[in-house]
Amino acid sequence: AIMADVANNMEAFASFAKDGGQNEFKAAIAARKLGLNMGTVEKIADSLLDFESSIEASMEASMLLGRSINTDKARELALAGDLEGMQKEITKQIGSQADWEALNIVQRKALAKAFGMEVSEVGKMMAEQERRANMTQAEIAAEEAAMKEKAEKEQRNQKMISDMLMFIGDLWAGI
């Protein structure tokens, strides 16, 4: 699922990949932990990097919520290609499930917009955070290990396919 997510969002991969694409796989895993996908993560990053609109939206959210919503760190991380860190910063700024549920619809829309998300996406993210908060450390570790193992296996498979295609290309070139 993680490899498919990355593969389905090649524009994001091309735009944000570094360290041989490792940051993209970490971002995809982090997105799964939040109940999101790489398409949503790319949309968030693009929204944050639209500086004028993003700053305006965060100021509006701050006014409506009566607390400071600072998207600067998330924007900085998006600009650096650290999509995993960007997601962590966003969850820190949004708060907990209880914080989210205490907001009225206008506040929820403004907060979601500040991070380039839909209300439903933030709601899903909050519910997933809550689900994970109720898991034991052993359950979380097992789930993360399984996701990481699956992503590494998929990455090895992709490398093997790439190597095979290069080999076939070399064979054709020699004919």
Protein backbone atom coordinates (compact mmCIF):
# COMPACT_ATOMS: atom_id res chain seq x y z
CA ALA A 1 0.00 0.00 0.00
CA ILE A 2 2.86 2.36 0.81
CA MET A 3 4.66 1.66 -2.47
CA ALA A 4 1.42 2.05 -4.39
CA ASP A 5 0.82 5.35 -2.62
CA VAL A 6 4.28 6.63 -3.57
CA ALA A 7 3.93 5.27 -7.12
CA ASN A 8 0.55 6.92 -7.56
CA ASN A 9 2.04 10.26 -6.56
CA MET A 10 5.10 10.42 -8.77
CA GLU A 11 4.83 14.21 -9.05
CA ALA A 12 5.32 14.47 -5.29
CA PHE A 13 8.14 11.96 -5.48
CA ALA A 14 9.86 13.96 -8.22
CA SER A 15 9.33 17.22 -6.35
CA PHE A 16 10.25 16.22 -2.81
CA ALA A 17 12.50 13.14 -3.08
CA LYS A 18 15.93 13.23 -1.49
CA ASP A 19 18.23 10.63 0.04
CA GLY A 20 17.38 8.22 -2.77
CA GLY A 21 13.68 8.64 -2.07
CA GLN A 22 13.95 7.49 1.55
CA ASN A 23 12.22 10.64 2.76
CA GLU A 24 9.25 9.85 0.49
CA PHE A 25 8.86 6.39 1.97
CA LYS A 26 9.10 7.81 5.49
CA ALA A 27 6.49 10.42 4.55
CA ALA A 28 4.21 7.70 3.13
CA ILE A 29 4.53 5.68 6.33
CA ALA A 30 3.85 8.78 8.44
CA ALA A 31 0.82 9.55 6.26
CA ARG A 32 -0.54 6.03 6.83
CA LYS A 33 -0.09 6.50 10.58
CA LEU A 34 -2.29 9.59 10.31
CA GLY A 35 -4.89 7.93 8.08
CA LEU A 36 -3.77 10.01 5.09
CA ASN A 37 -2.18 9.24 1.73
CA MET A 38 0.61 10.84 -0.26
CA GLY A 39 -1.86 12.70 -2.47
CA THR A 40 -3.12 14.53 0.61
CA VAL A 41 0.42 15.11 1.86
CA GLU A 42 1.40 16.61 -1.51
CA LYS A 43 -1.70 18.81 -1.46
CA ILE A 44 -0.81 20.03 2.04
CA ALA A 45 2.78 20.80 1.03
CA ASP A 46 1.68 22.65 -2.09
CA SER A 47 -0.81 24.66 -0.06
CA LEU A 48 1.80 25.60 2.54
CA LEU A 49 4.24 26.62 -0.19
CA ASP A 50 1.65 29.01 -1.64
CA PHE A 51 3.02 31.53 0.85
CA GLU A 52 0.54 34.37 0.53
CA SER A 53 -2.59 32.22 0.72
CA SER A 54 -1.13 30.02 3.45
CA ILE A 55 -0.20 32.94 5.69
CA GLU A 56 -3.61 34.54 5.14
CA ALA A 57 -5.38 31.26 6.01
CA SER A 58 -3.31 30.75 9.17
CA MET A 59 -4.04 34.32 10.32
CA GLU A 60 -7.76 33.78 9.73
CA ALA A 61 -7.66 30.50 11.67
CA SER A 62 -5.78 32.17 14.54
CA MET A 63 -8.42 34.89 14.77
CA LEU A 64 -11.32 32.43 14.70
CA LEU A 65 -9.75 30.03 17.20
CA GLY A 66 -8.40 32.66 19.58
CA ARG A 67 -5.00 30.99 19.59
CA SER A 68 -1.92 31.23 17.45
CA ILE A 69 -1.78 28.92 14.44
CA ASN A 70 1.77 29.09 13.14
CA THR A 71 2.32 27.35 9.83
CA ASP A 72 5.88 28.67 9.46
CA LYS A 73 7.63 25.52 10.73
CA ALA A 74 5.43 23.21 8.62
CA ARG A 75 6.11 25.45 5.60
CA GLU A 76 9.85 25.39 6.28
CA LEU A 77 9.80 21.58 6.50
CA ALA A 78 7.78 21.31 3.27
CA LEU A 79 10.25 23.59 1.51
CA ALA A 80 13.13 21.41 2.73
CA GLY A 81 11.35 18.29 1.43
CA ASP A 82 10.83 16.90 4.95
CA LEU A 83 7.24 15.76 4.47
CA GLU A 84 7.37 13.48 7.50
CA GLY A 85 8.42 16.37 9.75
CA MET A 86 5.79 18.59 8.12
CA GLN A 87 3.07 16.10 9.06
CA LYS A 88 4.29 15.93 12.67
CA GLU A 89 4.28 19.72 12.91
CA ILE A 90 0.74 19.91 11.55
CA THR A 91 -0.56 17.41 14.10
CA LYS A 92 1.15 19.41 16.85
CA GLN A 93 -0.51 22.63 15.65
CA ILE A 94 -3.98 21.08 15.27
CA GLY A 95 -3.93 19.41 18.68
CA SER A 96 -5.85 16.44 19.98
CA GLN A 97 -9.15 14.80 19.04
CA ALA A 98 -10.75 16.59 22.00
CA ASP A 99 -9.40 19.95 20.79
CA TRP A 100 -10.81 19.26 17.32
CA GLU A 101 -14.21 18.19 18.64
CA ALA A 102 -14.46 21.36 20.76
CA LEU A 103 -14.36 23.53 17.61
CA ASN A 104 -17.44 24.73 15.78
CA ILE A 105 -17.79 24.16 12.02
CA VAL A 106 -16.43 27.60 11.06
CA GLN A 107 -13.35 27.06 13.23
CA ARG A 108 -12.83 23.55 11.85
CA LYS A 109 -12.99 24.81 8.26
CA ALA A 110 -10.54 27.62 9.00
CA LEU A 111 -8.09 25.32 10.77
CA ALA A 112 -8.24 22.74 7.98
CA LYS A 113 -7.77 25.46 5.36
CA ALA A 114 -4.71 26.80 7.21
CA PHE A 115 -3.00 23.49 6.42
CA GLY A 116 -4.47 22.99 2.95
CA MET A 117 -6.81 20.23 4.07
CA GLU A 118 -10.50 19.44 4.01
CA VAL A 119 -12.44 19.15 7.28
CA SER A 120 -13.00 15.44 6.57
CA GLU A 121 -9.24 14.87 6.16
CA VAL A 122 -8.46 16.54 9.49
CA GLY A 123 -11.27 14.59 11.15
CA LYS A 124 -9.88 11.33 9.78
CA MET A 125 -6.40 12.31 10.93
CA MET A 126 -7.67 13.11 14.44
CA ALA A 127 -9.58 9.82 14.65
CA GLU A 128 -6.46 7.87 13.60
CA GLN A 129 -4.37 9.73 16.18
CA GLU A 130 -6.94 8.82 18.82
CA ARG A 131 -6.94 5.18 17.71
CA ARG A 132 -3.16 5.06 17.97
CA ALA A 133 -3.23 6.81 21.35
CA ASN A 134 -5.38 3.95 22.68
CA MET A 135 -2.95 1.28 21.47
CA THR A 136 -0.27 -0.20 23.69
CA GLN A 137 3.36 0.56 22.91
CA ALA A 138 3.82 -3.05 21.82
CA GLU A 139 0.90 -2.80 19.38
CA ILE A 140 2.24 0.46 17.96
CA ALA A 141 5.75 -0.97 17.62
CA ALA A 142 4.41 -4.09 15.89
CA GLU A 143 2.28 -2.03 13.48
CA GLU A 144 5.19 0.28 12.66
CA ALA A 145 7.59 -2.62 12.20
CA ALA A 146 5.17 -4.31 9.82
CA MET A 147 4.71 -1.09 7.80
CA LYS A 148 8.47 -0.51 7.66
CA GLU A 149 9.18 -4.12 6.67
CA LYS A 150 6.56 -3.98 3.94
CA ALA A 151 7.93 -0.70 2.60
CA GLU A 152 11.50 -2.03 2.59
CA LYS A 153 10.38 -5.20 0.81
CA GLU A 154 8.56 -3.17 -1.82
CA GLN A 155 11.59 -0.94 -2.25
CA ARG A 156 13.84 -3.98 -2.76
CA ASN A 157 11.36 -5.35 -5.30
CA GLN A 158 11.33 -2.05 -7.16
CA LYS A 159 15.14 -2.01 -7.23
CA MET A 160 15.23 -5.57 -8.51
CA ILE A 161 12.76 -4.71 -11.28
CA SER A 162 14.76 -1.62 -12.17
CA ASP A 163 17.99 -3.64 -12.29
CA MET A 164 16.34 -6.27 -14.49
CA LEU A 165 15.06 -3.63 -16.89
CA MET A 166 18.52 -2.06 -17.11
CA PHE A 167 20.02 -5.50 -17.78
CA ILE A 168 17.49 -6.17 -20.56
CA GLY A 169 18.21 -2.71 -21.99
CA ASP A 170 21.94 -3.50 -21.99
CA LEU A 171 21.24 -6.82 -23.75
CA TRP A 172 19.21 -5.07 -26.46
CA ALA A 173 21.91 -2.45 -26.88
CA GLY A 174 24.46 -5.23 -27.49
CA ILE A 175 22.41 -6.87 -30.23
